[in-house]
Amino acid sequence: MENDNVKLKIKKEIAEQGGFALILIIITILIIAVIAFGTISWKGQVQQSQEIKNKAVDDLKAINENLNKYNQQIQNNLEDKK
């Protein structure tokens, strides 16, 4: 009978350790998932930010070209008046 109690205690300890290990594995997987999601989200924000910056640069180039054309027209008008 005492031998059965020892076996039962050993099985109980193994089960408790297994449950603890399972909890640790689940927590680890959750942490990895949160980190992965955060990384993906961060990369998406960086890409979106880069696209906005590129559009702003393109818009500024277009504005600069238009201002240069306008400035050239003014210069031509001033030379024509002389």
N, C-alpha and C. Protein backbone atom coordinates (compact mmCIF):
# COMPACT_ATOMS: atom_id res chain seq x y z
N MET A 1 0.81 -1.19 0.00
CA MET A 1 0.00 0.00 0.00
C MET A 1 0.87 1.26 0.00
N GLU A 2 1.91 1.20 0.82
CA GLU A 2 2.82 2.35 0.88
C GLU A 2 3.50 2.56 -0.46
N ASN A 3 3.79 1.48 -1.17
CA ASN A 3 4.39 1.56 -2.49
C ASN A 3 3.45 2.25 -3.47
N ASP A 4 2.15 1.97 -3.37
CA ASP A 4 1.17 2.62 -4.23
C ASP A 4 1.08 4.11 -3.93
N ASN A 5 1.18 4.47 -2.65
CA ASN A 5 1.14 5.89 -2.27
C ASN A 5 2.35 6.63 -2.83
N VAL A 6 3.52 6.00 -2.81
CA VAL A 6 4.73 6.62 -3.37
C VAL A 6 4.56 6.81 -4.87
N LYS A 7 4.06 5.79 -5.55
CA LYS A 7 3.84 5.90 -7.00
C LYS A 7 2.83 7.00 -7.30
N LEU A 8 1.78 7.09 -6.49
CA LEU A 8 0.76 8.11 -6.69
C LEU A 8 1.34 9.51 -6.47
N LYS A 9 2.18 9.67 -5.46
CA LYS A 9 2.83 10.96 -5.20
C LYS A 9 3.75 11.34 -6.36
N ILE A 10 4.49 10.36 -6.86
CA ILE A 10 5.40 10.62 -7.98
C ILE A 10 4.60 11.05 -9.21
N LYS A 11 3.51 10.33 -9.49
CA LYS A 11 2.67 10.68 -10.63
C LYS A 11 2.07 12.07 -10.45
N LYS A 12 1.68 12.40 -9.23
CA LYS A 12 1.10 13.70 -8.95
C LYS A 12 2.13 14.80 -9.18
N GLU A 13 3.36 14.58 -8.74
CA GLU A 13 4.42 15.57 -8.93
C GLU A 13 4.74 15.74 -10.40
N ILE A 14 4.79 14.63 -11.13
CA ILE A 14 5.05 14.71 -12.57
C ILE A 14 3.93 15.50 -13.25
N ALA A 15 2.69 15.24 -12.88
CA ALA A 15 1.55 15.94 -13.47
C ALA A 15 1.61 17.44 -13.15
N GLU A 16 1.96 17.77 -11.90
CA GLU A 16 2.06 19.18 -11.52
C GLU A 16 3.18 19.87 -12.30
N GLN A 17 4.30 19.20 -12.43
CA GLN A 17 5.42 19.78 -13.18
C GLN A 17 5.06 19.92 -14.66
N GLY A 18 4.35 18.92 -15.17
CA GLY A 18 3.91 18.99 -16.56
C GLY A 18 2.95 20.14 -16.78
N GLY A 19 2.04 20.35 -15.85
CA GLY A 19 1.11 21.47 -15.94
C GLY A 19 1.85 22.80 -15.87
N PHE A 20 2.83 22.88 -14.99
CA PHE A 20 3.63 24.10 -14.88
C PHE A 20 4.40 24.35 -16.17
N ALA A 21 4.97 23.28 -16.73
CA ALA A 21 5.71 23.41 -17.99
C ALA A 21 4.77 23.85 -19.11
N LEU A 22 3.57 23.31 -19.13
CA LEU A 22 2.59 23.68 -20.14
C LEU A 22 2.23 25.16 -20.02
N ILE A 23 2.05 25.63 -18.80
CA ILE A 23 1.76 27.05 -18.58
C ILE A 23 2.92 27.91 -19.08
N LEU A 24 4.14 27.51 -18.80
CA LEU A 24 5.30 28.26 -19.27
C LEU A 24 5.37 28.29 -20.80
N ILE A 25 5.07 27.15 -21.41
CA ILE A 25 5.08 27.09 -22.88
C ILE A 25 4.02 28.03 -23.46
N ILE A 26 2.84 28.02 -22.88
CA ILE A 26 1.75 28.89 -23.37
C ILE A 26 2.13 30.36 -23.20
N ILE A 27 2.69 30.70 -22.06
CA ILE A 27 3.11 32.09 -21.82
C ILE A 27 4.19 32.49 -22.82
N THR A 28 5.14 31.60 -23.07
CA THR A 28 6.21 31.89 -24.04
C THR A 28 5.63 32.12 -25.43
N ILE A 29 4.70 31.26 -25.83
CA ILE A 29 4.08 31.42 -27.15
C ILE A 29 3.33 32.75 -27.24
N LEU A 30 2.63 33.12 -26.18
CA LEU A 30 1.91 34.40 -26.17
C LEU A 30 2.87 35.58 -26.28
N ILE A 31 3.98 35.50 -25.56
CA ILE A 31 4.97 36.58 -25.62
C ILE A 31 5.54 36.70 -27.03
N ILE A 32 5.86 35.56 -27.64
CA ILE A 32 6.39 35.57 -29.01
C ILE A 32 5.36 36.15 -29.97
N ALA A 33 4.08 35.78 -29.79
CA ALA A 33 3.02 36.30 -30.66
C ALA A 33 2.89 37.81 -30.53
N VAL A 34 2.95 38.31 -29.30
CA VAL A 34 2.85 39.76 -29.08
C VAL A 34 4.03 40.47 -29.72
N ILE A 35 5.22 39.94 -29.56
CA ILE A 35 6.41 40.56 -30.16
C ILE A 35 6.30 40.54 -31.68
N ALA A 36 5.87 39.40 -32.24
CA ALA A 36 5.74 39.29 -33.70
C ALA A 36 4.70 40.28 -34.21
N PHE A 37 3.56 40.36 -33.54
CA PHE A 37 2.51 41.29 -33.97
C PHE A 37 3.01 42.73 -33.87
N GLY A 38 3.71 43.04 -32.80
CA GLY A 38 4.25 44.39 -32.65
C GLY A 38 5.25 44.72 -33.74
N THR A 39 6.09 43.75 -34.10
CA THR A 39 7.08 43.97 -35.16
C THR A 39 6.39 44.19 -36.49
N ILE A 40 5.38 43.36 -36.78
CA ILE A 40 4.65 43.51 -38.04
C ILE A 40 3.95 44.86 -38.09
N SER A 41 3.33 45.24 -36.99
CA SER A 41 2.63 46.52 -36.92
C SER A 41 3.61 47.67 -37.09
N TRP A 42 4.76 47.57 -36.44
CA TRP A 42 5.78 48.62 -36.54
C TRP A 42 6.28 48.75 -37.97
N LYS A 43 6.52 47.60 -38.63
CA LYS A 43 6.99 47.64 -40.02
C LYS A 43 5.94 48.28 -40.92
N GLY A 44 4.66 47.98 -40.65
CA GLY A 44 3.59 48.59 -41.44
C GLY A 44 3.55 50.09 -41.26
N GLN A 45 3.76 50.55 -40.02
CA GLN A 45 3.76 51.99 -39.76
C GLN A 45 4.95 52.66 -40.42
N VAL A 46 6.09 52.00 -40.39
CA VAL A 46 7.28 52.57 -41.03
C VAL A 46 7.07 52.67 -42.53
N GLN A 47 6.49 51.63 -43.13
CA GLN A 47 6.24 51.64 -44.57
C GLN A 47 5.25 52.74 -44.93
N GLN A 48 4.19 52.87 -44.13
CA GLN A 48 3.19 53.91 -44.39
C GLN A 48 3.82 55.29 -44.24
N SER A 49 4.66 55.46 -43.23
CA SER A 49 5.34 56.73 -43.02
C SER A 49 6.25 57.05 -44.21
N GLN A 50 6.94 56.04 -44.72
CA GLN A 50 7.83 56.23 -45.86
C GLN A 50 7.02 56.63 -47.10
N GLU A 51 5.85 56.01 -47.29
CA GLU A 51 5.01 56.36 -48.44
C GLU A 51 4.51 57.80 -48.34
N ILE A 52 4.13 58.22 -47.13
CA ILE A 52 3.68 59.60 -46.93
C ILE A 52 4.83 60.57 -47.21
N LYS A 53 6.03 60.23 -46.74
CA LYS A 53 7.19 61.09 -46.97
C LYS A 53 7.50 61.20 -48.45
N ASN A 54 7.45 60.05 -49.16
CA ASN A 54 7.72 60.07 -50.60
C ASN A 54 6.71 60.92 -51.35
N LYS A 55 5.43 60.83 -50.96
CA LYS A 55 4.40 61.64 -51.61
C LYS A 55 4.64 63.12 -51.34
N ALA A 56 5.01 63.44 -50.10
CA ALA A 56 5.28 64.84 -49.75
C ALA A 56 6.46 65.37 -50.57
N VAL A 57 7.49 64.55 -50.74
CA VAL A 57 8.66 64.97 -51.53
C VAL A 57 8.25 65.20 -52.98
N ASP A 58 7.44 64.29 -53.53
CA ASP A 58 6.97 64.45 -54.91
C ASP A 58 6.15 65.73 -55.05
N ASP A 59 5.27 65.99 -54.07
CA ASP A 59 4.46 67.21 -54.12
C ASP A 59 5.34 68.46 -54.06
N LEU A 60 6.35 68.43 -53.19
CA LEU A 60 7.24 69.59 -53.09
C LEU A 60 8.05 69.79 -54.37
N LYS A 61 8.45 68.71 -55.04
CA LYS A 61 9.15 68.83 -56.31
C LYS A 61 8.25 69.47 -57.37
N ALA A 62 6.98 69.04 -57.40
CA ALA A 62 6.03 69.60 -58.36
C ALA A 62 5.81 71.09 -58.08
N ILE A 63 5.67 71.45 -56.81
CA ILE A 63 5.50 72.87 -56.44
C ILE A 63 6.72 73.67 -56.86
N ASN A 64 7.91 73.11 -56.62
CA ASN A 64 9.15 73.80 -56.98
C ASN A 64 9.24 74.01 -58.49
N GLU A 65 8.85 73.00 -59.26
CA GLU A 65 8.87 73.14 -60.72
C GLU A 65 7.91 74.25 -61.17
N ASN A 66 6.71 74.25 -60.58
CA ASN A 66 5.73 75.29 -60.94
C ASN A 66 6.23 76.68 -60.57
N LEU A 67 6.86 76.80 -59.41
CA LEU A 67 7.41 78.10 -59.00
C LEU A 67 8.55 78.53 -59.93
N ASN A 68 9.36 77.58 -60.35
CA ASN A 68 10.44 77.91 -61.29
C ASN A 68 9.86 78.40 -62.62
N LYS A 69 8.80 77.73 -63.09
CA LYS A 69 8.16 78.16 -64.34
C LYS A 69 7.56 79.56 -64.19
N TYR A 70 6.89 79.77 -63.07
CA TYR A 70 6.28 81.08 -62.81
C TYR A 70 7.36 82.15 -62.72
N ASN A 71 8.45 81.86 -62.03
CA ASN A 71 9.56 82.79 -61.90
C ASN A 71 10.16 83.10 -63.28
N GLN A 72 10.27 82.09 -64.12
CA GLN A 72 10.81 82.29 -65.46
C GLN A 72 9.88 83.19 -66.28
N GLN A 73 8.56 83.00 -66.14
CA GLN A 73 7.61 83.85 -66.85
C GLN A 73 7.74 85.30 -66.40
N ILE A 74 7.92 85.50 -65.11
CA ILE A 74 8.10 86.86 -64.59
C ILE A 74 9.37 87.47 -65.15
N GLN A 75 10.44 86.69 -65.17
CA GLN A 75 11.71 87.19 -65.71
C GLN A 75 11.55 87.56 -67.18
N ASN A 76 10.85 86.71 -67.94
CA ASN A 76 10.63 86.98 -69.37
C ASN A 76 9.79 88.25 -69.55
N ASN A 77 8.76 88.42 -68.71
CA ASN A 77 7.94 89.63 -68.80
C ASN A 77 8.74 90.88 -68.48
N LEU A 78 9.61 90.78 -67.48
CA LEU A 78 10.45 91.94 -67.13
C LEU A 78 11.41 92.28 -68.26
N GLU A 79 11.98 91.26 -68.90
CA GLU A 79 12.92 91.50 -70.01
C GLU A 79 12.18 92.07 -71.22
N ASP A 80 10.94 91.63 -71.44
CA ASP A 80 10.15 92.15 -72.56
C ASP A 80 9.82 93.62 -72.35
N LYS A 81 9.59 94.02 -71.09
CA LYS A 81 9.25 95.41 -70.79
C LYS A 81 10.45 96.33 -70.95
N LYS A 82 11.67 95.80 -70.83
CA LYS A 82 12.87 96.63 -70.94
C LYS A 82 13.07 96.92 -72.38
